[in-house]
Amino acid sequence: MAKGTILVADDDSAIRTVLNQALARAGYIPRTTSNAATLWRWVSQGEGDVVVTDVIMPDENAFELIPRIKKLRPELPIIVMSAQNTLMTALKAAERGAYEYLPKPFDLNELINVVGRAMAEPQRSDSGSKPDDAEELPLIGRSPAMQEIYRILARLTQTDLTVMITGESGTGKELVARVLHDHGRRRSGPFVAVNMAAIPRELIESELFGHEKGAFTGAQARMAGRFEQAEGGTLFLDEIGDMPLEAQTRLLRVLQEGEYTTVGGRTPVKTNVRIVAATHRELKSQIQQGLFREDLYYRLNVVPLRLPPLRERSNDIGDLVRHFLRIAARDGLGERRMETAAIARLQRYSWPGNIRELENLVRRLVAIYPQDVLTADIIDLEITDASAEANISLDSASDEDKLSEIIERHLARLFASYGDQLPPYGLYERILREVEQPLFSAALVATRGNQIKAAELLGINRNTLRSRIKSLNIQIMKDPVRS
């Protein structure tokens, strides 16, 4: 017995054939068409249990058709597939009420699984649609890592769930928070961002919750806190790992009870905000060290979202460069383009400052080089070959090969990547971690996982080594069995 009828619309005959065969093998009855008009006729006649449609068709865009389908048959699940693999495509699909968005190319098994879920789950009648007025892409990239982020964001914009964004500095955590707000249910409310690392620790509670007149020395008038300013909207707590424990306790109460008291106040204040938090720190390590509350972590980490560093999505660099060149031209810095070899050169660089470093580099190149085409030779003048930095010797007599020299150049580029702004606080811990992790890993590999020998090699206490292995999540290679 057939599981149900699946209506498939795609102007590519090869894709229709493949989907027809895959759905039939899975026990469904597929009906395929190359145009939106036929799909609409089938839907209006009451046919089909699930719709699978491409976005671009000869006679009509699916994003124009979906609202009509949802109005006529709100319970009918619609799966959107598209080769236009951008964040806006995923967001538009969700905003118009699509059940799921699949970027092409996709795995056929994934499609079959999505169809099965769509058949089993009851459908909501509200689509939360919004006008199509966003032309500027808030996030750039077509890599698999970014496609997964787009899909997650498209789902999250339809909820008020608390989100924890993690990732290295410069990966775009605030951009993601703004996407969640600008395309979510609270977009008509305020978006308020507060960076914990930029506020003196003794003032964080007052900054977040506000204070009453006379609450402390210098409090000469009542001040509204960020929670009050964000009422009805989104509060973005950046670098949450830098929040002191006292403020963490008060924030936990807000998340648990939905209310807070101002500093110096006595009457609880009800609050209605969506919390989006972000950090570049390893919060689980901070929990082990007693620097972050475990119960607060789980309250904030309802939906974890990790942003990949640029080195893990180097195929996106070309799109990012073209985007930044367009912005530079719009800002009056002149029209430029970058040759393919130069893009390839950028893809081999490690990008310690991530997207922020790339953006600043592009603006610098446009500002100081007058030629219309930016070449690989120009890139070589601006960045150091990351592959050469892998050849480090502690005992080298050459200044260029000394570890201290390489670290100094690395840090100089890191600071330069932030332009006029300083990096967030906690740089010591971040750099220390980046050095310790490969050092301890190399020592354990050299001693075949023998921690006693590794501790002797490093000249540290065995218990210290064990503690750092745990906090750095280092995998120990066991001594192989010899025949």
Protein backbone atom coordinates (compact mmCIF):
# COMPACT_ATOMS: atom_id res chain seq x y z
CA MET A 1 0.00 0.00 0.00
CA ALA A 2 1.36 3.42 -0.99
CA LYS A 3 2.39 5.78 1.81
CA GLY A 4 1.01 8.87 0.07
CA THR A 5 1.20 11.06 -3.02
CA ILE A 6 4.13 13.46 -3.42
CA LEU A 7 3.80 16.37 -5.86
CA VAL A 8 7.18 17.29 -7.36
CA ALA A 9 7.81 20.49 -9.35
CA ASP A 10 11.18 21.17 -11.00
CA ASP A 11 12.04 22.43 -14.49
CA ASP A 12 15.07 20.11 -14.69
CA SER A 13 13.95 16.81 -16.27
CA ALA A 14 16.93 14.91 -14.85
CA ILE A 15 16.05 15.96 -11.31
CA ARG A 16 12.41 15.02 -11.85
CA THR A 17 13.46 11.57 -13.04
CA VAL A 18 15.78 10.97 -10.09
CA LEU A 19 13.21 12.14 -7.54
CA ASN A 20 10.45 10.12 -9.21
CA GLN A 21 12.52 6.93 -8.93
CA ALA A 22 13.68 7.59 -5.35
CA LEU A 23 10.17 8.38 -4.08
CA ALA A 24 8.69 5.35 -5.84
CA ARG A 25 11.33 3.07 -4.31
CA ALA A 26 10.47 4.50 -0.89
CA GLY A 27 6.82 3.50 -1.35
CA TYR A 28 5.30 6.84 -2.36
CA ILE A 29 3.28 7.78 -5.44
CA PRO A 30 5.20 10.63 -7.15
CA ARG A 31 3.60 13.07 -9.60
CA THR A 32 6.06 15.33 -11.37
CA THR A 33 5.72 18.54 -13.35
CA SER A 34 8.03 21.16 -14.83
CA ASN A 35 5.91 24.22 -14.00
CA ALA A 36 4.08 26.01 -11.20
CA ALA A 37 0.75 26.17 -13.04
CA THR A 38 0.33 22.40 -13.06
CA LEU A 39 1.43 22.16 -9.44
CA TRP A 40 -1.17 24.78 -8.46
CA ARG A 41 -3.89 22.90 -10.39
CA TRP A 42 -3.09 19.66 -8.57
CA VAL A 43 -3.05 21.38 -5.18
CA SER A 44 -6.31 23.26 -5.84
CA GLN A 45 -7.97 19.95 -6.83
CA GLY A 46 -7.02 18.51 -3.43
CA GLU A 47 -4.31 16.18 -4.70
CA GLY A 48 -1.06 15.35 -2.93
CA ASP A 49 0.03 14.75 0.65
CA VAL A 50 3.40 16.59 0.38
CA VAL A 51 4.76 19.13 -2.12
CA VAL A 52 8.43 19.14 -3.16
CA THR A 53 9.21 22.19 -5.30
CA ASP A 54 12.14 24.04 -6.77
CA VAL A 55 12.23 27.81 -6.25
CA ILE A 56 12.86 28.96 -9.83
CA MET A 57 10.39 27.66 -12.42
CA PRO A 58 9.61 28.96 -15.94
CA ASP A 59 6.21 30.45 -15.13
CA GLU A 60 6.36 31.44 -11.45
CA ASN A 61 8.68 31.66 -8.47
CA ALA A 62 7.79 29.17 -5.75
CA PHE A 63 7.98 31.90 -3.12
CA GLU A 64 5.03 33.58 -4.87
CA LEU A 65 3.11 30.31 -5.10
CA ILE A 66 3.65 29.01 -1.55
CA PRO A 67 1.48 31.65 0.22
CA ARG A 68 -1.44 30.77 -2.09
CA ILE A 69 -0.98 27.08 -1.33
CA LYS A 70 -0.80 27.72 2.42
CA LYS A 71 -3.96 29.85 2.28
CA LEU A 72 -5.90 27.19 0.36
CA ARG A 73 -4.45 24.13 2.14
CA PRO A 74 -2.63 25.22 5.31
CA GLU A 75 -2.09 21.61 6.39
CA LEU A 76 -0.16 20.64 3.21
CA PRO A 77 3.60 20.32 3.92
CA ILE A 78 5.86 22.06 1.37
CA ILE A 79 9.52 21.14 0.95
CA VAL A 80 11.57 23.74 -0.93
CA MET A 81 14.73 22.84 -2.83
CA SER A 82 17.03 25.35 -4.47
CA ALA A 83 20.43 25.78 -6.07
CA GLN A 84 20.41 29.41 -4.85
CA ASN A 85 22.04 28.36 -1.61
CA THR A 86 21.99 31.60 0.37
CA LEU A 87 20.73 32.51 3.80
CA MET A 88 17.91 34.58 2.29
CA THR A 89 16.64 31.53 0.37
CA ALA A 90 16.42 29.52 3.59
CA LEU A 91 14.78 32.41 5.46
CA LYS A 92 12.24 33.09 2.71
CA ALA A 93 11.29 29.40 2.66
CA ALA A 94 10.67 29.41 6.40
CA GLU A 95 8.89 32.77 6.41
CA ARG A 96 6.46 31.63 3.74
CA GLY A 97 5.58 28.52 5.69
CA ALA A 98 7.72 25.84 4.04
CA TYR A 99 8.16 22.68 6.10
CA GLU A 100 11.84 22.32 5.16
CA TYR A 101 14.50 23.80 2.88
CA LEU A 102 17.00 21.58 1.07
CA PRO A 103 19.96 23.20 -0.73
CA LYS A 104 20.97 21.50 -3.98
CA PRO A 105 22.70 19.16 -4.31
CA PHE A 106 21.22 17.11 -1.47
CA ASP A 107 21.28 13.46 -0.45
CA LEU A 108 18.25 11.51 -1.68
CA ASN A 109 18.03 9.67 1.63
CA GLU A 110 17.76 13.04 3.36
CA LEU A 111 14.85 14.01 1.11
CA ILE A 112 13.07 10.71 1.80
CA ASN A 113 13.54 11.23 5.55
CA VAL A 114 12.17 14.78 5.35
CA VAL A 115 9.16 13.60 3.35
CA GLY A 116 8.51 10.92 5.97
CA ARG A 117 8.63 13.47 8.81
CA ALA A 118 6.37 15.84 6.91
CA MET A 119 3.79 13.07 6.43
CA ALA A 120 3.88 12.19 10.13
CA GLU A 121 3.83 15.65 11.73
CA PRO A 122 0.77 17.92 12.01
CA GLN A 123 1.24 21.22 10.14
CA ARG A 124 0.78 24.72 11.55
CA SER A 125 -1.50 27.05 9.67
CA ASP A 126 0.48 30.24 10.33
CA SER A 127 3.44 31.06 8.13
CA GLY A 128 4.72 34.24 9.76
CA SER A 129 5.44 35.67 6.32
CA LYS A 130 7.13 39.02 5.92
CA PRO A 131 7.61 41.37 2.98
CA ASP A 132 10.41 40.56 0.57
CA ASP A 133 12.44 43.68 1.27
CA ALA A 134 15.85 42.31 2.20
CA GLU A 135 18.33 42.47 -0.66
CA GLU A 136 21.53 42.68 1.36
CA LEU A 137 22.72 39.28 2.53
CA PRO A 138 23.56 39.36 6.25
CA LEU A 139 25.66 36.19 5.94
CA ILE A 140 27.75 35.05 2.98
CA GLY A 141 28.82 31.55 1.92
CA ARG A 142 27.72 28.45 0.05
CA SER A 143 29.89 25.88 1.84
CA PRO A 144 28.19 22.86 3.46
CA ALA A 145 28.95 24.30 6.91
CA MET A 146 27.12 27.54 6.09
CA GLN A 147 24.22 25.70 4.44
CA GLU A 148 23.58 23.87 7.70
CA ILE A 149 23.68 27.16 9.61
CA TYR A 150 21.17 28.69 7.19
CA ARG A 151 18.79 25.81 7.72
CA ILE A 152 19.08 26.06 11.51
CA LEU A 153 18.58 29.83 11.43
CA ALA A 154 15.52 29.47 9.20
CA ARG A 155 13.95 27.22 11.85
CA LEU A 156 15.01 29.36 14.80
CA THR A 157 13.56 32.58 13.39
CA GLN A 158 10.13 30.99 13.80
CA THR A 159 10.68 30.46 17.55
CA ASP A 160 11.61 32.39 20.69
CA LEU A 161 14.08 29.77 21.91
CA THR A 162 17.22 30.89 23.71
CA VAL A 163 20.29 30.42 21.50
CA MET A 164 23.96 30.06 22.44
CA ILE A 165 26.30 31.05 19.60
CA THR A 166 29.89 29.86 19.90
CA GLY A 167 32.86 30.53 17.65
CA GLU A 168 36.18 32.30 17.44
CA SER A 169 36.36 36.08 17.43
CA GLY A 170 35.53 37.53 14.04
CA THR A 171 33.28 34.68 12.84
CA GLY A 172 30.12 36.83 12.78
CA LYS A 173 28.31 35.98 16.02
CA GLU A 174 26.53 39.34 16.26
CA LEU A 175 25.48 39.09 12.60
CA VAL A 176 23.80 35.77 13.38
CA ALA A 177 22.07 37.27 16.43
CA ARG A 178 20.74 40.09 14.24
CA VAL A 179 19.43 37.58 11.69
CA LEU A 180 17.52 35.80 14.46
CA HIS A 181 15.98 39.13 15.47
CA ASP A 182 15.44 40.82 12.10
CA HIS A 183 13.71 37.78 10.58
CA GLY A 184 12.00 36.49 13.73
CA ARG A 185 8.79 37.11 15.62
CA ARG A 186 10.27 40.02 17.55
CA ARG A 187 11.57 42.01 14.58
CA SER A 188 9.22 44.92 15.41
CA GLY A 189 10.84 45.20 18.86
CA PRO A 190 14.30 46.51 19.79
CA PHE A 191 17.57 44.66 19.30
CA VAL A 192 19.92 45.47 22.17
CA ALA A 193 23.52 44.19 22.20
CA VAL A 194 25.78 44.27 25.25
CA ASN A 195 29.40 43.07 25.30
CA MET A 196 30.28 41.66 28.72
CA ALA A 197 34.00 41.97 28.03
CA ALA A 198 33.70 45.73 27.44
CA ILE A 199 31.96 46.59 30.75
CA PRO A 200 33.80 46.90 34.08
CA ARG A 201 32.83 43.90 36.20
CA GLU A 202 31.45 46.02 39.03
CA LEU A 203 29.03 47.76 36.65
CA ILE A 204 27.62 44.76 34.77
CA GLU A 205 24.59 44.24 37.06
CA SER A 206 23.66 47.92 36.83
CA GLU A 207 24.15 47.84 33.04
CA LEU A 208 21.90 44.81 32.60
CA PHE A 209 19.18 45.43 35.17
CA GLY A 210 19.36 49.19 35.68
CA HIS A 211 19.62 51.01 39.00
CA GLU A 212 17.58 53.31 41.19
CA LYS A 213 18.62 56.79 42.25
CA GLY A 214 21.02 56.55 45.20
CA ALA A 215 21.61 52.80 44.72
CA PHE A 216 25.37 53.42 44.96
CA THR A 217 27.84 56.27 44.96
CA GLY A 218 27.42 58.21 41.73
CA ALA A 219 23.88 56.94 41.00
CA GLN A 220 22.32 60.40 40.85
CA ALA A 221 19.31 59.34 38.78
CA ARG A 222 17.43 56.21 37.85
CA MET A 223 18.91 54.37 34.86
CA ALA A 224 17.12 51.84 32.65
CA GLY A 225 19.06 48.60 32.16
CA ARG A 226 19.48 46.64 28.96
CA PHE A 227 16.64 44.27 29.86
CA GLU A 228 14.26 47.20 30.07
CA GLN A 229 15.60 48.67 26.82
CA ALA A 230 15.12 45.31 25.04
CA GLU A 231 11.54 44.76 26.28
CA GLY A 232 9.52 43.00 23.59
CA GLY A 233 12.62 42.39 21.49
CA THR A 234 15.96 40.59 21.61
CA LEU A 235 18.81 40.98 24.11
CA PHE A 236 22.16 39.85 22.72
CA LEU A 237 24.64 39.00 25.48
CA ASP A 238 28.01 38.91 23.73
CA GLU A 239 31.05 37.31 25.42
CA ILE A 240 28.83 35.77 28.09
CA GLY A 241 31.87 33.88 29.38
CA ASP A 242 33.21 37.16 30.80
CA MET A 243 30.18 37.71 33.04
CA PRO A 244 31.12 37.66 36.78
CA LEU A 245 29.52 35.02 38.98
CA GLU A 246 27.36 37.51 40.91
CA ALA A 247 25.74 38.73 37.71
CA GLN A 248 25.39 35.13 36.50
CA THR A 249 23.24 34.37 39.56
CA ARG A 250 20.91 37.29 38.79
CA LEU A 251 20.70 36.36 35.12
CA LEU A 252 19.78 32.78 36.06
CA ARG A 253 16.85 34.12 38.12
CA VAL A 254 15.63 36.12 35.13
CA LEU A 255 15.70 33.03 32.92
CA GLN A 256 13.96 30.93 35.58
CA GLU A 257 11.36 33.39 36.86
CA GLY A 258 10.98 35.84 33.98
CA GLU A 259 11.59 38.81 36.29
CA TYR A 260 14.40 40.88 37.81
CA THR A 261 14.97 43.70 40.27
CA THR A 262 16.97 46.81 39.53
CA VAL A 263 20.09 47.53 41.58
CA GLY A 264 18.77 49.26 44.68
CA GLY A 265 15.19 48.35 43.79
CA ARG A 266 12.74 46.16 45.72
CA THR A 267 9.87 45.52 43.33
CA PRO A 268 10.33 42.66 40.84
CA VAL A 269 9.98 43.71 37.21
CA LYS A 270 8.47 41.28 34.68
CA THR A 271 10.45 40.95 31.48
CA ASN A 272 9.63 39.73 27.98
CA VAL A 273 12.81 39.43 25.92
CA ARG A 274 14.44 36.78 23.82
CA ILE A 275 17.97 35.96 24.96
CA VAL A 276 20.71 35.23 22.44
CA ALA A 277 24.14 34.66 24.02
CA ALA A 278 27.57 34.30 22.41
CA THR A 279 31.10 33.46 23.46
CA HIS A 280 34.48 32.53 22.03
CA ARG A 281 35.38 30.71 25.27
CA GLU A 282 35.05 27.02 26.15
CA LEU A 283 32.30 27.36 28.75
CA LYS A 284 32.51 23.73 29.87
CA SER A 285 36.15 24.33 30.77
CA GLN A 286 35.13 27.44 32.71
CA ILE A 287 32.48 25.41 34.54
CA GLN A 288 35.17 22.94 35.64
CA GLN A 289 37.26 25.85 36.89
CA GLY A 290 34.32 27.31 38.83
CA LEU A 291 34.16 30.41 36.62
CA PHE A 292 30.75 29.78 35.07
CA ARG A 293 27.55 28.39 36.57
CA GLU A 294 26.56 25.01 35.15
CA ASP A 295 22.84 25.66 35.69
CA LEU A 296 23.10 28.96 33.79
CA TYR A 297 24.96 27.22 30.97
CA TYR A 298 22.10 24.79 30.40
CA ARG A 299 19.54 27.60 30.57
CA LEU A 300 21.41 29.51 27.86
CA ASN A 301 22.44 26.51 25.77
CA VAL A 302 18.88 25.56 24.75
CA VAL A 303 19.90 25.67 21.09
CA PRO A 304 23.69 25.59 20.52
CA LEU A 305 24.95 27.09 17.26
CA ARG A 306 28.64 26.84 16.40
CA LEU A 307 30.03 29.19 13.76
CA PRO A 308 32.98 27.69 11.88
CA PRO A 309 36.23 29.65 11.63
CA LEU A 310 37.08 30.94 8.17
CA ARG A 311 39.83 28.34 7.73
CA GLU A 312 37.12 25.63 7.87
CA ARG A 313 35.11 27.26 5.08
CA SER A 314 37.84 28.54 2.76
CA ASN A 315 35.66 27.89 -0.31
CA ASP A 316 33.51 30.82 0.83
CA ILE A 317 36.41 33.28 0.62
CA GLY A 318 35.74 34.16 -3.04
CA ASP A 319 32.10 35.09 -2.30
CA LEU A 320 33.16 37.05 0.78
CA VAL A 321 35.85 38.98 -1.11
CA ARG A 322 33.41 39.95 -3.88
CA HIS A 323 30.90 41.05 -1.24
CA PHE A 324 33.48 43.24 0.54
CA LEU A 325 34.66 44.69 -2.80
CA ARG A 326 31.07 45.72 -3.58
CA ILE A 327 30.78 47.38 -0.18
CA ALA A 328 34.07 49.22 -0.72
CA ALA A 329 32.88 50.46 -4.12
CA ARG A 330 29.58 51.60 -2.61
CA ASP A 331 31.55 53.50 0.04
CA GLY A 332 33.41 55.40 -2.65
CA LEU A 333 36.72 53.51 -2.49
CA GLY A 334 36.63 52.58 -6.17
CA GLU A 335 35.74 49.55 -8.30
CA ARG A 336 38.12 46.60 -7.96
CA ARG A 337 38.16 42.91 -8.75
CA MET A 338 40.45 40.14 -7.57
CA GLU A 339 42.03 37.59 -9.88
CA THR A 340 41.44 33.88 -9.36
CA ALA A 341 45.05 33.23 -8.32
CA ALA A 342 44.75 35.88 -5.61
CA ILE A 343 41.59 34.24 -4.26
CA ALA A 344 43.41 30.90 -4.21
CA ARG A 345 46.25 32.54 -2.29
CA LEU A 346 43.80 33.86 0.31
CA GLN A 347 42.32 30.37 0.66
CA ARG A 348 45.71 29.03 1.79
CA TYR A 349 45.98 31.54 4.63
CA SER A 350 44.93 30.56 8.18
CA TRP A 351 42.90 33.73 9.04
CA PRO A 352 43.43 34.03 12.82
CA GLY A 353 41.08 37.06 12.80
CA ASN A 354 38.50 35.23 10.66
CA ILE A 355 35.98 37.20 8.56
CA ARG A 356 36.75 40.49 10.30
CA GLU A 357 40.41 40.15 9.27
CA LEU A 358 39.43 39.37 5.68
CA GLU A 359 37.12 42.39 5.49
CA ASN A 360 39.79 44.73 6.84
CA LEU A 361 42.34 43.29 4.40
CA VAL A 362 40.05 43.87 1.41
CA ARG A 363 39.37 47.48 2.44
CA ARG A 364 43.09 48.06 2.93
CA LEU A 365 43.91 46.63 -0.50
CA VAL A 366 41.31 48.81 -2.19
CA ALA A 367 42.55 51.88 -0.35
CA ILE A 368 46.28 51.55 -1.05
CA TYR A 369 46.49 49.78 -4.43
CA PRO A 370 45.26 51.78 -7.45
CA GLN A 371 45.17 48.94 -9.99
CA ASP A 372 41.77 47.66 -11.13
CA VAL A 373 42.76 44.02 -10.63
CA LEU A 374 44.20 42.83 -7.31
CA THR A 375 46.76 40.13 -8.03
CA ALA A 376 48.33 37.25 -6.13
CA ASP A 377 51.59 39.24 -5.92
CA ILE A 378 49.75 41.96 -4.00
CA ILE A 379 48.32 39.36 -1.62
CA ASP A 380 51.82 37.99 -1.03
CA LEU A 381 52.95 41.45 0.02
CA GLU A 382 50.17 41.70 2.59
CA ILE A 383 50.03 38.31 4.26
CA THR A 384 52.62 35.76 5.33
CA ASP A 385 52.47 32.28 3.89
CA ALA A 386 50.78 30.21 6.58
CA SER A 387 52.32 27.00 5.28
CA ALA A 388 55.81 28.36 5.92
CA GLU A 389 54.87 29.04 9.53
CA ALA A 390 54.29 25.32 10.09
CA ASN A 391 58.04 24.74 9.81
CA ILE A 392 58.94 25.95 13.31
CA SER A 393 62.11 25.02 15.15
CA LEU A 394 62.68 25.99 18.78
CA ASP A 395 66.42 25.65 18.34
CA SER A 396 66.73 27.50 15.02
CA ALA A 397 69.41 30.16 14.88
CA SER A 398 67.45 32.15 12.31
CA ASP A 399 65.31 34.92 13.74
CA GLU A 400 62.71 34.32 11.03
CA ASP A 401 62.18 30.74 12.20
CA LYS A 402 62.07 31.40 15.95
CA LEU A 403 58.76 30.52 17.61
CA SER A 404 58.66 33.89 19.37
CA GLU A 405 59.03 35.72 16.05
CA ILE A 406 56.24 33.73 14.46
CA ILE A 407 53.93 34.29 17.43
CA GLU A 408 54.72 37.99 17.35
CA ARG A 409 53.76 38.21 13.67
CA HIS A 410 50.63 36.17 14.34
CA LEU A 411 49.55 38.52 17.14
CA ALA A 412 50.35 41.61 15.08
CA ARG A 413 48.03 40.35 12.33
CA LEU A 414 45.38 39.48 14.91
CA PHE A 415 45.39 43.02 16.36
CA ALA A 416 45.47 44.50 12.86
CA SER A 417 42.40 42.48 11.90
CA TYR A 418 40.32 44.42 14.44
CA GLY A 419 41.16 47.76 12.89
CA ASP A 420 40.43 50.59 15.32
CA GLN A 421 38.80 48.25 17.85
CA LEU A 422 40.76 46.12 20.30
CA PRO A 423 40.09 42.37 20.45
CA PRO A 424 37.71 41.20 23.21
CA TYR A 425 39.24 40.61 26.64
CA GLY A 426 40.55 37.14 27.47
CA LEU A 427 43.26 37.15 24.80
CA TYR A 428 45.83 35.64 27.18
CA GLU A 429 43.71 32.56 27.80
CA ARG A 430 42.93 32.15 24.10
CA ILE A 431 46.59 32.36 22.98
CA LEU A 432 47.72 30.12 25.84
CA ARG A 433 45.18 27.52 24.79
CA GLU A 434 46.26 27.71 21.14
CA VAL A 435 49.88 27.06 22.16
CA GLU A 436 49.18 24.41 24.82
CA GLN A 437 46.90 22.23 22.72
CA PRO A 438 49.40 21.37 19.94
CA LEU A 439 52.29 21.28 22.44
CA PHE A 440 50.63 18.73 24.73
CA SER A 441 49.31 16.74 21.78
CA ALA A 442 52.79 16.54 20.23
CA ALA A 443 54.31 15.47 23.56
CA LEU A 444 51.74 12.69 23.95
CA VAL A 445 52.30 11.50 20.39
CA ALA A 446 56.07 11.49 20.97
CA THR A 447 55.65 9.40 24.18
CA ARG A 448 52.98 7.13 22.64
CA GLY A 449 50.37 8.36 25.10
CA ASN A 450 52.49 7.76 28.21
CA GLN A 451 51.46 10.64 30.49
CA ILE A 452 54.32 10.13 32.96
CA LYS A 453 56.91 10.45 30.17
CA ALA A 454 55.00 13.34 28.57
CA ALA A 455 54.97 15.24 31.89
CA GLU A 456 58.73 14.67 32.26
CA LEU A 457 59.30 15.80 28.67
CA LEU A 458 57.32 18.99 29.27
CA GLY A 459 58.80 19.55 32.72
CA ILE A 460 55.43 19.82 34.48
CA ASN A 461 53.56 17.95 37.19
CA ARG A 462 51.67 14.83 36.07
CA ASN A 463 48.43 16.05 37.68
CA THR A 464 48.77 19.37 35.85
CA LEU A 465 49.14 17.50 32.57
CA ARG A 466 46.05 15.38 33.28
CA SER A 467 44.02 18.47 34.12
CA ARG A 468 45.03 20.27 30.92
CA ILE A 469 44.39 17.17 28.77
CA LYS A 470 40.84 17.14 30.11
CA SER A 471 40.19 20.87 29.76
CA LEU A 472 41.71 20.99 26.26
CA ASN A 473 39.79 17.87 25.12
CA ILE A 474 42.99 16.22 23.87
CA GLN A 475 42.61 12.71 22.47
CA ILE A 476 45.39 10.41 23.73
CA MET A 477 46.94 7.99 21.28
CA LYS A 478 47.45 4.62 22.98
CA ASP A 479 50.65 2.65 22.57
CA PRO A 480 49.98 0.19 19.71
CA VAL A 481 50.15 -3.55 20.40
CA ARG A 482 53.32 -4.98 18.95
CA SER A 483 53.31 -8.39 17.34
